[in-house]
């Protein structure tokens, strides 16, 4: 019984590792997206000034 429990714990840990990495990556991507939006909001006037043709 103890061997089975230990093996189950190992399997769960092995499966949880990739999930944790994906979650951390997606949280980081959301953070970057928020920072990008914040920069767009704070620099909106400068980016949209006449004569300045910047791609969005």
N, C-alpha and C. Protein backbone atom coordinates (compact mmCIF):
# COMPACT_ATOMS: atom_id res chain seq x y z
N UNK A 1 0.83 -1.20 0.00
CA UNK A 1 0.00 0.00 0.00
C UNK A 1 0.87 1.26 0.00
N UNK A 2 1.92 1.26 0.82
CA UNK A 2 2.80 2.44 0.88
C UNK A 2 3.54 2.63 -0.43
N UNK A 3 3.94 1.51 -1.06
CA UNK A 3 4.63 1.61 -2.35
C UNK A 3 3.70 2.20 -3.40
N UNK A 4 2.45 1.78 -3.36
CA UNK A 4 1.48 2.28 -4.33
C UNK A 4 1.24 3.78 -4.12
N UNK A 5 1.14 4.18 -2.86
CA UNK A 5 0.93 5.59 -2.55
C UNK A 5 2.13 6.42 -3.01
N UNK A 6 3.33 5.92 -2.76
CA UNK A 6 4.54 6.64 -3.18
C UNK A 6 4.59 6.76 -4.70
N UNK A 7 4.22 5.68 -5.39
CA UNK A 7 4.24 5.70 -6.85
C UNK A 7 3.19 6.69 -7.38
N UNK A 8 2.02 6.70 -6.76
CA UNK A 8 0.98 7.64 -7.18
C UNK A 8 1.44 9.08 -6.97
N UNK A 9 2.08 9.34 -5.84
CA UNK A 9 2.58 10.69 -5.58
C UNK A 9 3.61 11.11 -6.63
N UNK A 10 4.49 10.18 -7.01
CA UNK A 10 5.50 10.47 -8.04
C UNK A 10 4.83 10.78 -9.38
N UNK A 11 3.82 9.97 -9.73
CA UNK A 11 3.12 10.19 -11.00
C UNK A 11 2.39 11.53 -11.02
N UNK A 12 1.75 11.85 -9.91
CA UNK A 12 1.04 13.13 -9.82
C UNK A 12 2.02 14.29 -9.92
N UNK A 13 3.15 14.18 -9.24
CA UNK A 13 4.16 15.25 -9.30
C UNK A 13 4.69 15.40 -10.72
N UNK A 14 4.90 14.28 -11.41
CA UNK A 14 5.41 14.34 -12.78
C UNK A 14 4.40 14.99 -13.72
N UNK A 15 3.11 14.77 -13.47
CA UNK A 15 2.08 15.38 -14.31
C UNK A 15 1.86 16.85 -13.95
N UNK A 16 2.05 17.19 -12.69
CA UNK A 16 1.79 18.56 -12.23
C UNK A 16 2.88 19.51 -12.71
N UNK A 17 4.09 19.03 -12.89
CA UNK A 17 5.20 19.90 -13.29
C UNK A 17 4.91 20.63 -14.60
N UNK A 18 4.56 19.93 -15.70
CA UNK A 18 4.27 20.64 -16.95
C UNK A 18 3.08 21.59 -16.82
N UNK A 19 2.07 21.18 -16.05
CA UNK A 19 0.90 22.05 -15.86
C UNK A 19 1.33 23.33 -15.16
N UNK A 20 2.17 23.21 -14.14
CA UNK A 20 2.65 24.39 -13.41
C UNK A 20 3.42 25.31 -14.34
N UNK A 21 4.25 24.73 -15.21
CA UNK A 21 5.03 25.54 -16.15
C UNK A 21 4.11 26.29 -17.12
N UNK A 22 3.07 25.63 -17.60
CA UNK A 22 2.13 26.26 -18.52
C UNK A 22 1.40 27.41 -17.82
N UNK A 23 0.99 27.18 -16.58
CA UNK A 23 0.27 28.22 -15.83
C UNK A 23 1.18 29.42 -15.61
N UNK A 24 2.44 29.16 -15.22
CA UNK A 24 3.37 30.27 -15.00
C UNK A 24 3.61 31.04 -16.29
N UNK A 25 3.74 30.32 -17.41
CA UNK A 25 3.94 30.98 -18.70
C UNK A 25 2.74 31.84 -19.07
N UNK A 26 1.54 31.30 -18.86
CA UNK A 26 0.34 32.06 -19.23
C UNK A 26 0.16 33.27 -18.31
N UNK A 27 0.51 33.13 -17.01
CA UNK A 27 0.44 34.27 -16.11
C UNK A 27 1.41 35.35 -16.56
N UNK A 28 2.60 34.94 -16.97
CA UNK A 28 3.61 35.90 -17.43
C UNK A 28 3.14 36.59 -18.71
N UNK A 29 2.52 35.82 -19.61
CA UNK A 29 2.00 36.42 -20.85
C UNK A 29 0.90 37.43 -20.55
N UNK A 30 0.04 37.12 -19.58
CA UNK A 30 -1.01 38.07 -19.18
C UNK A 30 -0.39 39.33 -18.60
N UNK A 31 0.67 39.14 -17.80
CA UNK A 31 1.37 40.29 -17.23
C UNK A 31 1.94 41.18 -18.34
N UNK A 32 2.60 40.55 -19.31
CA UNK A 32 3.18 41.31 -20.42
C UNK A 32 2.10 42.02 -21.23
N UNK A 33 0.98 41.35 -21.44
CA UNK A 33 -0.12 41.96 -22.18
C UNK A 33 -0.65 43.19 -21.43
N UNK A 34 -0.77 43.08 -20.12
CA UNK A 34 -1.21 44.21 -19.31
C UNK A 34 -0.23 45.37 -19.38
N UNK A 35 1.07 45.05 -19.33
CA UNK A 35 2.08 46.11 -19.42
C UNK A 35 2.01 46.78 -20.79
N UNK A 36 1.80 45.99 -21.84
CA UNK A 36 1.70 46.54 -23.18
C UNK A 36 0.50 47.49 -23.29
N UNK A 37 -0.62 47.07 -22.72
CA UNK A 37 -1.82 47.93 -22.73
C UNK A 37 -1.56 49.22 -21.96
N UNK A 38 -0.89 49.09 -20.82
CA UNK A 38 -0.59 50.27 -20.00
C UNK A 38 0.30 51.23 -20.78
N UNK A 39 1.30 50.70 -21.47
CA UNK A 39 2.17 51.55 -22.28
C UNK A 39 1.40 52.20 -23.41
N UNK A 40 0.53 51.43 -24.07
CA UNK A 40 -0.30 51.99 -25.14
C UNK A 40 -1.15 53.13 -24.61
N UNK A 41 -1.71 52.94 -23.42
CA UNK A 41 -2.58 53.96 -22.84
C UNK A 41 -1.78 55.22 -22.48
N UNK A 42 -0.61 55.02 -21.89
CA UNK A 42 0.16 56.19 -21.44
C UNK A 42 0.84 56.92 -22.60
N UNK A 43 1.12 56.22 -23.69
CA UNK A 43 1.81 56.84 -24.83
C UNK A 43 0.88 57.04 -26.02
N UNK A 44 -0.41 56.92 -25.79
CA UNK A 44 -1.36 56.97 -26.90
C UNK A 44 -1.24 58.26 -27.70
N UNK A 45 -1.19 59.40 -27.02
CA UNK A 45 -1.08 60.68 -27.71
C UNK A 45 0.18 60.78 -28.54
N UNK A 46 1.28 60.30 -27.98
CA UNK A 46 2.55 60.38 -28.69
C UNK A 46 2.56 59.45 -29.90
N UNK A 47 1.99 58.25 -29.73
CA UNK A 47 1.97 57.29 -30.85
C UNK A 47 1.06 57.75 -31.98
N UNK A 48 0.00 58.48 -31.63
CA UNK A 48 -0.98 58.88 -32.64
C UNK A 48 -0.74 60.30 -33.16
N UNK A 49 0.40 60.88 -32.82
CA UNK A 49 0.64 62.26 -33.26
C UNK A 49 0.76 62.32 -34.78
N UNK A 50 0.33 63.42 -35.39
CA UNK A 50 0.37 63.54 -36.85
C UNK A 50 1.80 63.47 -37.39
N UNK A 51 1.94 62.83 -38.53
CA UNK A 51 3.25 62.73 -39.16
C UNK A 51 4.07 61.56 -38.64
N UNK A 52 3.59 60.90 -37.63
CA UNK A 52 4.31 59.76 -37.06
C UNK A 52 3.53 58.50 -37.43
N UNK A 53 4.04 57.76 -38.38
CA UNK A 53 3.32 56.59 -38.88
C UNK A 53 3.92 55.33 -38.27
N UNK A 54 3.44 54.96 -37.08
CA UNK A 54 3.94 53.76 -36.41
C UNK A 54 2.92 52.64 -36.56
N UNK A 55 3.39 51.44 -36.83
CA UNK A 55 2.45 50.31 -36.92
C UNK A 55 1.87 49.98 -35.55
N UNK A 56 0.62 49.60 -35.51
CA UNK A 56 -0.02 49.23 -34.24
C UNK A 56 0.18 47.76 -33.97
